[in-house]
Amino acid sequence: MATETDTRILQSLISNRVAFATSVPCKQLAGVIELVEDSGDILHVPCNKEDEGMGLCAGAYMGGMRPCIIMQNTALGVVINSLATLIQFYHFPLPMLISYRGEVGEKVACQVEMALHTKAILSQLHIPTYHFRHRSDAKDLDDILGHCFMSNKPVAILADAMFWGSAS
């Protein structure tokens, strides 16, 4: 079930003219994915794997659409090659809304291991990273998306378990 925060995220995507989104199912991102899927403003094409999603986003961008990928940080290892040799090499802007699994508040122990590496991997790739801990952090999404599309670079928005569960 979508929350007010999910709706705020969708409105930021729409106001920044994101016209294409791809995703792989994720419990934390389910509300956002549902809203994107139901939106008449954004074409949503689910993908089987996140590296496939990178290719879909590149194709959407080359076709004149502003893309977004919605994914878990646990798939970051799978997309490194696509990020570096496709998205970054060709200067494609790509907002990545990422559920930051494994941080404080995580209920699944095996998710913790990738959380230990997520920010270091993104830093090594020189991808600007924004960590959303509280729902009020979503107010910054418009500026982050605007910067992404202005600079023609990918950005990572990490939304952790506290963000999805926090009341403010």
C-alpha atoms as a PDB file:
ATOM      1  CA  MET A   1       0.000   0.000   0.000  1.00  0.00           C
ATOM      2  CA  ALA A   2       1.412   3.371  -1.049  1.00  0.00           C
ATOM      3  CA  THR A   3       2.190   5.996   1.594  1.00  0.00           C
ATOM      4  CA  GLU A   4       2.325   9.771   1.523  1.00  0.00           C
ATOM      5  CA  THR A   5       6.096   9.489   1.107  1.00  0.00           C
ATOM      6  CA  ASP A   6       5.657   7.186  -1.892  1.00  0.00           C
ATOM      7  CA  THR A   7       3.313   9.774  -3.409  1.00  0.00           C
ATOM      8  CA  ARG A   8       5.858  12.530  -2.754  1.00  0.00           C
ATOM      9  CA  ILE A   9       8.542  10.485  -4.535  1.00  0.00           C
ATOM     10  CA  LEU A  10       6.240   9.902  -7.510  1.00  0.00           C
ATOM     11  CA  GLN A  11       5.429  13.620  -7.716  1.00  0.00           C
ATOM     12  CA  SER A  12       9.157  14.467  -7.703  1.00  0.00           C
ATOM     13  CA  LEU A  13       9.747  12.029 -10.551  1.00  0.00           C
ATOM     14  CA  ILE A  14       6.870  13.513 -12.546  1.00  0.00           C
ATOM     15  CA  SER A  15       7.815  17.139 -11.859  1.00  0.00           C
ATOM     16  CA  ASN A  16      11.347  16.373 -13.085  1.00  0.00           C
ATOM     17  CA  ARG A  17       9.904  14.867 -16.271  1.00  0.00           C
ATOM     18  CA  VAL A  18      10.965  11.289 -15.591  1.00  0.00           C
ATOM     19  CA  ALA A  19       9.022   9.441 -18.281  1.00  0.00           C
ATOM     20  CA  PHE A  20      10.463   5.913 -17.948  1.00  0.00           C
ATOM     21  CA  ALA A  21      11.129   3.708 -14.937  1.00  0.00           C
ATOM     22  CA  THR A  22      12.216   0.143 -14.496  1.00  0.00           C
ATOM     23  CA  SER A  23      12.311  -1.907 -11.329  1.00  0.00           C
ATOM     24  CA  VAL A  24      12.820  -5.277  -9.735  1.00  0.00           C
ATOM     25  CA  PRO A  25      10.378  -6.135  -6.909  1.00  0.00           C
ATOM     26  CA  CYS A  26      11.341  -4.931  -3.429  1.00  0.00           C
ATOM     27  CA  LYS A  27       9.185  -4.895  -0.308  1.00  0.00           C
ATOM     28  CA  GLN A  28      10.474  -1.484   0.824  1.00  0.00           C
ATOM     29  CA  LEU A  29       9.945   0.081  -2.615  1.00  0.00           C
ATOM     30  CA  ALA A  30       6.625  -1.660  -3.328  1.00  0.00           C
ATOM     31  CA  GLY A  31       4.523   1.468  -2.728  1.00  0.00           C
ATOM     32  CA  VAL A  32       6.619   3.601  -5.067  1.00  0.00           C
ATOM     33  CA  ILE A  33       6.663   0.869  -7.709  1.00  0.00           C
ATOM     34  CA  GLU A  34       2.861   0.525  -7.452  1.00  0.00           C
ATOM     35  CA  LEU A  35       2.363   4.273  -7.940  1.00  0.00           C
ATOM     36  CA  VAL A  36       4.798   4.406 -10.853  1.00  0.00           C
ATOM     37  CA  GLU A  37       3.067   1.424 -12.460  1.00  0.00           C
ATOM     38  CA  ASP A  38      -0.335   3.094 -12.099  1.00  0.00           C
ATOM     39  CA  SER A  39       0.892   6.513 -13.219  1.00  0.00           C
ATOM     40  CA  GLY A  40      -0.157   7.710 -16.641  1.00  0.00           C
ATOM     41  CA  ASP A  41       2.915   9.953 -16.707  1.00  0.00           C
ATOM     42  CA  ILE A  42       5.656   7.328 -16.416  1.00  0.00           C
ATOM     43  CA  LEU A  43       6.101   4.225 -18.555  1.00  0.00           C
ATOM     44  CA  HIS A  44       7.029   1.416 -16.145  1.00  0.00           C
ATOM     45  CA  VAL A  45       8.776  -1.648 -17.545  1.00  0.00           C
ATOM     46  CA  PRO A  46       9.688  -4.208 -14.872  1.00  0.00           C
ATOM     47  CA  CYS A  47      12.981  -5.993 -15.452  1.00  0.00           C
ATOM     48  CA  ASN A  48      14.335  -9.386 -14.448  1.00  0.00           C
ATOM     49  CA  LYS A  49      17.723  -8.123 -13.247  1.00  0.00           C
ATOM     50  CA  GLU A  50      19.081  -4.673 -12.506  1.00  0.00           C
ATOM     51  CA  ASP A  51      21.823  -4.834 -15.159  1.00  0.00           C
ATOM     52  CA  GLU A  52      19.051  -5.442 -17.705  1.00  0.00           C
ATOM     53  CA  GLY A  53      17.355  -2.374 -16.198  1.00  0.00           C
ATOM     54  CA  MET A  54      20.460  -0.289 -16.896  1.00  0.00           C
ATOM     55  CA  GLY A  55      20.161  -1.196 -20.574  1.00  0.00           C
ATOM     56  CA  LEU A  56      16.454  -0.363 -20.592  1.00  0.00           C
ATOM     57  CA  CYS A  57      17.186   3.033 -19.034  1.00  0.00           C
ATOM     58  CA  ALA A  58      19.947   3.744 -21.567  1.00  0.00           C
ATOM     59  CA  GLY A  59      17.588   2.876 -24.420  1.00  0.00           C
ATOM     60  CA  ALA A  60      14.828   5.057 -22.957  1.00  0.00           C
ATOM     61  CA  TYR A  61      17.261   7.976 -22.635  1.00  0.00           C
ATOM     62  CA  MET A  62      18.494   7.549 -26.217  1.00  0.00           C
ATOM     63  CA  GLY A  63      14.831   7.509 -27.243  1.00  0.00           C
ATOM     64  CA  GLY A  64      14.281  10.921 -25.639  1.00  0.00           C
ATOM     65  CA  MET A  65      12.881   9.882 -22.259  1.00  0.00           C
ATOM     66  CA  ARG A  66      14.236  10.707 -18.817  1.00  0.00           C
ATOM     67  CA  PRO A  67      14.761   7.354 -17.051  1.00  0.00           C
ATOM     68  CA  CYS A  68      14.907   6.111 -13.467  1.00  0.00           C
ATOM     69  CA  ILE A  69      15.759   2.717 -11.996  1.00  0.00           C
ATOM     70  CA  ILE A  70      14.218   1.484  -8.754  1.00  0.00           C
ATOM     71  CA  MET A  71      16.313  -1.236  -7.125  1.00  0.00           C
ATOM     72  CA  GLN A  72      17.907  -2.702  -3.980  1.00  0.00           C
ATOM     73  CA  ASN A  73      21.502  -2.041  -2.989  1.00  0.00           C
ATOM     74  CA  THR A  74      22.037  -5.806  -2.891  1.00  0.00           C
ATOM     75  CA  ALA A  75      22.069  -5.718  -6.706  1.00  0.00           C
ATOM     76  CA  LEU A  76      24.760  -3.051  -6.873  1.00  0.00           C
ATOM     77  CA  GLY A  77      27.417  -5.672  -7.507  1.00  0.00           C
ATOM     78  CA  VAL A  78      25.466  -6.906 -10.525  1.00  0.00           C
ATOM     79  CA  VAL A  79      25.292  -3.465 -12.183  1.00  0.00           C
ATOM     80  CA  ILE A  80      28.864  -2.201 -11.790  1.00  0.00           C
ATOM     81  CA  ASN A  81      29.900  -3.024 -15.359  1.00  0.00           C
ATOM     82  CA  SER A  82      26.725  -1.544 -16.879  1.00  0.00           C
ATOM     83  CA  LEU A  83      27.077   1.586 -14.759  1.00  0.00           C
ATOM     84  CA  ALA A  84      30.709   2.167 -15.705  1.00  0.00           C
ATOM     85  CA  THR A  85      30.789   1.114 -19.367  1.00  0.00           C
ATOM     86  CA  LEU A  86      27.329   2.254 -20.440  1.00  0.00           C
ATOM     87  CA  ILE A  87      25.710   4.819 -18.149  1.00  0.00           C
ATOM     88  CA  GLN A  88      28.845   6.711 -17.095  1.00  0.00           C
ATOM     89  CA  PHE A  89      30.876   6.317 -20.283  1.00  0.00           C
ATOM     90  CA  TYR A  90      28.086   7.769 -22.427  1.00  0.00           C
ATOM     91  CA  HIS A  91      27.111  10.418 -19.846  1.00  0.00           C
ATOM     92  CA  PHE A  92      23.547   9.222 -19.314  1.00  0.00           C
ATOM     93  CA  PRO A  93      21.735  10.844 -16.399  1.00  0.00           C
ATOM     94  CA  LEU A  94      20.231   8.088 -14.278  1.00  0.00           C
ATOM     95  CA  PRO A  95      18.576   8.538 -10.910  1.00  0.00           C
ATOM     96  CA  MET A  96      18.779   5.285  -8.979  1.00  0.00           C
ATOM     97  CA  LEU A  97      16.218   5.031  -6.188  1.00  0.00           C
ATOM     98  CA  ILE A  98      17.770   2.321  -4.058  1.00  0.00           C
ATOM     99  CA  SER A  99      16.398   0.596  -0.994  1.00  0.00           C
ATOM    100  CA  TYR A 100      19.416   0.581   1.304  1.00  0.00           C
ATOM    101  CA  ARG A 101      19.020  -2.876   2.783  1.00  0.00           C
ATOM    102  CA  GLY A 102      21.198  -3.926   5.716  1.00  0.00           C
ATOM    103  CA  GLU A 103      21.336  -0.642   7.626  1.00  0.00           C
ATOM    104  CA  VAL A 104      20.033  -0.065  11.167  1.00  0.00           C
ATOM    105  CA  GLY A 105      16.428  -1.209  11.278  1.00  0.00           C
ATOM    106  CA  GLU A 106      16.964  -4.054   8.792  1.00  0.00           C
ATOM    107  CA  LYS A 107      15.172  -7.236   9.818  1.00  0.00           C
ATOM    108  CA  VAL A 108      16.971  -9.656   7.441  1.00  0.00           C
ATOM    109  CA  ALA A 109      20.504 -10.473   8.610  1.00  0.00           C
ATOM    110  CA  CYS A 110      21.905 -11.526   5.217  1.00  0.00           C
ATOM    111  CA  GLN A 111      21.181  -8.014   3.861  1.00  0.00           C
ATOM    112  CA  VAL A 112      23.765  -6.477   6.230  1.00  0.00           C
ATOM    113  CA  GLU A 113      26.819  -7.636   4.279  1.00  0.00           C
ATOM    114  CA  MET A 114      26.076  -5.599   1.135  1.00  0.00           C
ATOM    115  CA  ALA A 115      25.272  -2.521   3.224  1.00  0.00           C
ATOM    116  CA  LEU A 116      28.883  -2.596   4.400  1.00  0.00           C
ATOM    117  CA  HIS A 117      30.066  -2.136   0.793  1.00  0.00           C
ATOM    118  CA  THR A 118      27.353  -0.030  -0.854  1.00  0.00           C
ATOM    119  CA  LYS A 119      28.663   3.472  -0.196  1.00  0.00           C
ATOM    120  CA  ALA A 120      32.278   2.469  -0.900  1.00  0.00           C
ATOM    121  CA  ILE A 121      31.307   0.994  -4.293  1.00  0.00           C
ATOM    122  CA  LEU A 122      29.343   4.109  -5.237  1.00  0.00           C
ATOM    123  CA  SER A 123      32.206   6.328  -4.057  1.00  0.00           C
ATOM    124  CA  GLN A 124      34.737   4.319  -6.098  1.00  0.00           C
ATOM    125  CA  LEU A 125      32.514   4.834  -9.156  1.00  0.00           C
ATOM    126  CA  HIS A 126      32.319   8.587  -8.364  1.00  0.00           C
ATOM    127  CA  ILE A 127      28.529   8.453  -8.193  1.00  0.00           C
ATOM    128  CA  PRO A 128      26.980  11.161  -6.012  1.00  0.00           C
ATOM    129  CA  THR A 129      25.116   9.416  -3.197  1.00  0.00           C
ATOM    130  CA  TYR A 130      22.337  10.737  -0.974  1.00  0.00           C
ATOM    131  CA  HIS A 131      21.245   8.791   2.108  1.00  0.00           C
ATOM    132  CA  PHE A 132      17.591   9.212   3.112  1.00  0.00           C
ATOM    133  CA  ARG A 133      17.028   8.230   6.762  1.00  0.00           C
ATOM    134  CA  HIS A 134      13.803  10.106   7.534  1.00  0.00           C
ATOM    135  CA  ARG A 135      10.722  10.582   5.395  1.00  0.00           C
ATOM    136  CA  SER A 136      11.292  14.330   5.520  1.00  0.00           C
ATOM    137  CA  ASP A 137      14.507  13.741   3.505  1.00  0.00           C
ATOM    138  CA  ALA A 138      12.264  13.161   0.462  1.00  0.00           C
ATOM    139  CA  LYS A 139      11.921  16.961   0.226  1.00  0.00           C
ATOM    140  CA  ASP A 140      15.437  16.990  -1.273  1.00  0.00           C
ATOM    141  CA  LEU A 141      14.538  14.656  -4.143  1.00  0.00           C
ATOM    142  CA  ASP A 142      13.501  17.438  -6.560  1.00  0.00           C
ATOM    143  CA  ASP A 143      16.913  19.112  -6.243  1.00  0.00           C
ATOM    144  CA  ILE A 144      18.764  15.796  -6.551  1.00  0.00           C
ATOM    145  CA  LEU A 145      16.854  14.845  -9.708  1.00  0.00           C
ATOM    146  CA  GLY A 146      17.368  18.292 -11.205  1.00  0.00           C
ATOM    147  CA  HIS A 147      21.107  18.035 -10.555  1.00  0.00           C
ATOM    148  CA  CYS A 148      21.240  14.545 -12.068  1.00  0.00           C
ATOM    149  CA  PHE A 149      19.637  15.643 -15.327  1.00  0.00           C
ATOM    150  CA  MET A 150      21.604  18.910 -15.493  1.00  0.00           C
ATOM    151  CA  SER A 151      24.954  17.151 -15.020  1.00  0.00           C
ATOM    152  CA  ASN A 152      24.204  14.068 -17.179  1.00  0.00           C
ATOM    153  CA  LYS A 153      25.454  11.761 -14.438  1.00  0.00           C
ATOM    154  CA  PRO A 154      23.921   8.931 -12.438  1.00  0.00           C
ATOM    155  CA  VAL A 155      23.001   9.584  -8.812  1.00  0.00           C
ATOM    156  CA  ALA A 156      22.153   7.134  -6.035  1.00  0.00           C
ATOM    157  CA  ILE A 157      19.395   7.852  -3.551  1.00  0.00           C
ATOM    158  CA  LEU A 158      19.759   5.344  -0.722  1.00  0.00           C
ATOM    159  CA  ALA A 159      16.577   4.998   1.330  1.00  0.00           C
ATOM    160  CA  ASP A 160      17.122   2.806   4.376  1.00  0.00           C
ATOM    161  CA  ALA A 161      14.731   0.863   6.617  1.00  0.00           C
ATOM    162  CA  MET A 162      14.399   3.840   8.975  1.00  0.00           C
ATOM    163  CA  PHE A 163      13.289   6.029   6.034  1.00  0.00           C
ATOM    164  CA  TRP A 164      10.568   3.590   5.024  1.00  0.00           C
ATOM    165  CA  GLY A 165       9.504   3.128   8.646  1.00  0.00           C
ATOM    166  CA  SER A 166      10.065   6.593  10.103  1.00  0.00           C
ATOM    167  CA  ALA A 167       7.132   8.834  10.965  1.00  0.00           C
ATOM    168  CA  SER A 168       8.821  12.112  10.025  1.00  0.00           C
END
